[in-house]
Protein backbone atom coordinates (compact mmCIF):
# COMPACT_ATOMS: atom_id res chain seq x y z
CA MET A 1 -0.13 -0.07 -0.11
CA VAL A 2 2.90 2.26 0.86
CA GLY A 3 4.50 1.80 -2.51
CA GLU A 4 1.49 2.33 -4.35
CA ARG A 5 0.47 5.65 -2.59
CA LEU A 6 4.18 6.83 -3.02
CA ALA A 7 3.99 6.42 -6.80
CA GLU A 8 0.37 7.65 -7.07
CA LEU A 9 1.70 11.13 -4.91
CA ARG A 10 4.70 11.30 -7.11
CA GLU A 11 2.65 11.18 -10.45
CA GLN A 12 0.26 13.61 -9.33
CA LYS A 13 3.26 15.92 -8.75
CA ALA A 14 4.53 15.13 -12.29
CA LEU A 15 7.76 13.94 -10.72
CA THR A 16 10.20 11.35 -12.20
CA LEU A 17 12.01 8.98 -9.98
CA HIS A 18 15.26 11.02 -10.55
CA ASP A 19 13.15 14.37 -9.86
CA LEU A 20 12.12 12.82 -6.35
CA GLU A 21 15.63 11.72 -5.91
CA GLU A 22 17.06 15.26 -5.96
CA LEU A 23 14.39 16.70 -3.98
CA SER A 24 14.24 13.89 -1.06
CA GLY A 25 18.10 12.61 -1.19
CA VAL A 26 16.50 9.25 -1.30
CA GLY A 27 18.12 6.94 -4.29
CA ALA A 28 15.93 6.51 -7.73
CA ASP A 29 16.33 2.93 -7.30
CA GLY A 30 15.40 2.70 -3.61
CA ILE A 31 12.25 4.69 -4.52
CA SER A 32 11.43 2.33 -7.45
CA LYS A 33 11.67 -0.81 -5.04
CA ILE A 34 9.50 0.89 -2.38
CA GLU A 35 6.84 1.82 -5.12
CA ASN A 36 6.97 -1.81 -6.50
CA GLY A 37 6.56 -3.45 -3.01
CA HIS A 38 10.39 -4.81 -3.11
CA ARG A 39 11.58 -2.79 -0.10
CA LYS A 40 9.85 -1.65 3.06
CA PRO A 41 11.02 2.14 3.82
CA ARG A 42 12.24 3.05 7.20
CA PRO A 43 10.54 5.80 8.91
CA SER A 44 13.42 8.21 8.19
CA THR A 45 12.76 7.59 4.53
CA LEU A 46 9.25 8.10 4.62
CA ARG A 47 9.64 11.51 6.35
CA LYS A 48 12.39 12.63 3.41
CA LEU A 49 9.88 11.52 0.76
CA ALA A 50 6.58 13.23 2.52
CA ARG A 51 8.79 16.54 2.77
CA ALA A 52 9.76 16.30 -0.87
CA LEU A 53 6.24 15.74 -2.14
CA GLY A 54 4.85 18.46 0.27
CA VAL A 55 2.69 15.77 2.06
CA GLU A 56 2.40 14.19 5.53
CA VAL A 57 3.69 10.56 6.28
CA GLU A 58 0.17 9.70 6.89
CA ASP A 59 -0.72 10.26 3.19
CA PHE A 60 1.29 6.96 2.34
CA PHE A 61 -1.00 5.12 4.53
CA ARG A 62 -4.32 6.57 3.60
CA GLU A 63 -6.89 4.09 2.29
CA PRO A 64 -8.34 4.39 -0.20
CA ALA A 65 -6.40 6.99 -1.96
CA VAL A 66 -7.84 10.29 -2.41
CA PRO A 67 -6.40 13.02 -4.67
CA LEU A 68 -4.24 15.66 -3.19
CA ALA A 69 -6.75 18.52 -3.42
CA GLU A 70 -9.37 16.42 -1.46
CA THR A 71 -6.78 15.36 1.05
CA PRO A 72 -8.24 16.42 4.39
CA ARG A 73 -5.63 18.39 6.71
CA LYS A 74 -6.16 20.12 9.84
CA THR A 75 -9.53 20.68 10.16
CA GLY A 76 -12.34 18.55 10.93
CA PRO A 77 -12.74 14.88 12.00
CA ASP A 78 -10.29 12.79 9.80
CA PHE A 79 -10.23 9.52 11.57
CA ALA A 80 -12.61 7.07 13.26
CA GLY A 81 -10.14 6.12 16.07
CA LEU A 82 -6.65 5.68 17.10
CA PRO A 83 -6.24 1.89 16.82
CA GLY A 84 -2.65 1.82 16.98
CA LEU A 85 -2.18 4.10 20.28
CA ASP A 86 -2.07 1.06 22.68
CA ALA A 87 0.80 -0.51 20.65
CA ALA A 88 2.66 2.86 20.52
CA LEU A 89 2.29 3.70 24.25
CA ARG A 90 3.72 0.15 25.02
CA ARG A 91 6.82 0.61 22.55
CA HIS A 92 7.61 3.99 23.75
CA GLY A 93 7.18 2.81 27.59
CA MET A 94 4.54 5.71 28.28
CA ARG A 95 1.19 5.51 30.03
CA PRO A 96 -1.87 7.07 28.92
CA ARG A 97 -2.11 9.73 31.66
CA GLU A 98 1.52 10.63 30.98
CA LEU A 99 0.66 11.37 27.15
CA ALA A 100 -2.44 12.86 27.74
CA HIS A 101 -0.60 15.43 30.06
CA ARG A 102 2.14 16.02 27.42
CA ALA A 103 -0.27 16.56 24.47
CA GLY A 104 -2.40 19.10 26.75
CA MET A 105 -5.58 17.19 27.10
CA THR A 106 -7.03 14.82 30.00
CA THR A 107 -6.98 11.12 30.13
CA GLY A 108 -10.61 10.74 29.39
CA GLU A 109 -10.22 12.91 26.07
CA LEU A 110 -7.62 10.64 25.25
CA PHE A 111 -9.51 7.43 25.75
CA ASP A 112 -12.33 9.00 23.82
CA TYR A 113 -10.07 9.55 20.68
CA GLU A 114 -8.74 6.17 20.90
CA VAL A 115 -12.01 4.43 20.73
CA GLY A 116 -13.84 6.88 18.46
CA GLU A 117 -15.98 8.31 20.82
CA LYS A 118 -14.54 11.74 19.74
CA LYS A 119 -13.16 11.60 16.02
CA PRO A 120 -9.40 12.79 16.13
CA SER A 121 -8.47 15.38 13.67
CA TRP A 122 -5.06 15.22 11.91
CA GLU A 123 -3.95 18.15 14.23
CA ILE A 124 -4.77 15.91 17.21
CA VAL A 125 -2.98 12.82 15.79
CA THR A 126 0.35 14.69 14.98
CA ARG A 127 0.11 16.26 18.38
CA LEU A 128 0.06 12.81 20.05
CA ALA A 129 2.78 11.48 17.95
CA ALA A 130 5.05 14.50 18.79
CA ALA A 131 4.17 13.96 22.34
CA LEU A 132 5.10 10.11 22.13
CA SER A 133 8.43 10.58 20.85
CA PRO A 134 10.35 12.27 18.07
CA ASP A 135 10.68 8.67 16.32
CA CYS A 136 7.01 8.26 16.56
CA PHE A 137 4.83 9.44 13.43
CA ALA A 138 1.12 9.65 13.04
CA ALA A 139 0.64 6.64 10.98
CA ASP A 140 1.82 4.50 14.30
CA LEU A 141 -1.36 5.79 15.76
CA VAL A 142 -4.01 5.48 13.11
CA ALA A 143 -2.94 2.19 11.23
CA PRO A 144 -4.32 -1.02 12.91
CA PRO A 145 -1.83 -2.26 15.51
CA GLU A 146 -0.92 -5.51 13.43
CA ARG A 147 0.10 -3.46 10.29
CA ALA A 148 2.32 -1.20 12.61
CA GLU A 149 4.02 -3.96 14.61
CA ALA A 150 4.67 -5.92 11.39
CA PHE A 151 6.11 -2.70 9.75
CA ILE A 152 8.28 -2.26 12.94
CA ALA A 153 9.30 -5.92 13.28
CA GLU A 154 10.57 -6.13 9.43
CA ASN A 155 12.74 -2.73 10.09
CA GLN A 156 14.15 -4.25 13.13
CA GLN A 157 14.91 -7.75 10.98
CA GLN A 158 16.49 -5.40 8.39
CA ASN A 159 18.58 -3.81 10.94
CA ALA A 160 19.63 -7.02 12.44
CA VAL A 161 20.79 -8.36 9.09
CA SER A 162 22.64 -5.17 8.33
CA GLN A 163 24.28 -5.91 11.85
CA ASP A 164 24.96 -9.44 11.03
CA LYS A 165 26.82 -8.42 7.77
CA ARG A 166 29.10 -5.97 9.45
CA ASP A 167 29.86 -8.52 12.20
CA GLU A 168 30.70 -10.95 9.24
CA LEU A 169 32.75 -8.38 7.49
CA LEU A 170 34.94 -7.68 10.71
CA GLN A 171 35.53 -11.29 11.32
CA GLU A 172 36.76 -11.80 7.96
CA MET A 173 39.08 -8.75 8.41
CA ARG A 174 40.48 -10.20 11.72
CA GLU A 175 40.93 -13.71 9.91
CA GLU A 176 42.71 -11.97 7.13
CA ARG A 177 44.98 -10.45 9.51
CA LEU A 178 45.77 -13.95 11.21
CA ARG A 179 46.34 -15.48 7.80
CA ASN A 180 48.55 -12.47 6.74
CA PRO A 181 51.47 -11.72 9.23
CA ALA A 182 52.93 -8.97 6.85
CA LYS A 183 49.42 -7.01 6.91
CA ARG A 184 49.36 -7.68 10.73
CA ARG A 185 52.89 -6.20 11.20
CA THR A 186 51.91 -3.27 9.10
CA ASP A 187 48.76 -2.42 11.07
CA GLU A 188 50.79 -2.71 13.96
CA ALA A 189 53.45 -0.47 12.61
CA ILE A 190 50.87 2.23 11.87
CA LYS A 191 49.36 1.99 15.47
CA GLU A 192 52.81 2.43 16.93
CA ALA A 193 53.37 5.37 14.68
CA TYR A 194 50.25 6.98 15.86
CA ARG A 195 51.11 6.25 19.61
CA LYS A 196 54.61 7.70 19.17
CA ASN A 197 53.04 10.81 17.33
CA ALA A 198 50.58 11.37 20.24
CA GLU A 199 53.40 11.01 22.83
CA GLN A 200 55.56 13.73 20.70
CA ARG A 201 52.73 16.15 20.66
CA ALA A 202 51.76 15.48 24.27
CA ARG A 203 55.63 16.56 25.19
CA GLU A 204 55.59 19.54 22.84
CA HIS A 205 52.28 21.02 24.01
CA PRO A 206 51.82 19.73 27.69
CA GLU A 207 49.24 22.52 28.25
CA ALA A 208 47.00 20.53 25.75
CA GLY A 209 46.77 17.42 28.24
């Protein structure tokens, strides 16, 4: 869904992939993969794309898609409730009372917004997201919890894979040093040169220490 909305919003702006790349700083290849559903974007990537397109991150999750001219903004009731609020509170380790205080409302008002007794406007949703955490965005609150949790879990999995690759690379470097004594001696000589240089600077400029 995110990819389809991204492609739709980009086309509404009459932007090519390379145009959006220049505006957002996100690679055209990465944008194409997101639009085709081959890559799940990180929250930071969604923010960059939203700024470049002049929309809000929530617009990527709006269903069904609506033209930008008809997209509701900061007036009127936008959402039926906040189905993702409870999961967001648990993720950020915050109690409803604390969130309500930070957002300038009562706990009762927060509950009414959550269950749809009161219809939260886009302004309310963004205020709650900001009160939760700088890392939280509005889609966390208005999306069904299973969708938000799945999105976060996939991002965590991608980060874990990246960390595993870094660990593998470091291990390969260590093994290479063990297999190649000459390279190990060169590395040690460089470290020793840095150490001696630091000692000499300390003697010449004792006041810096």
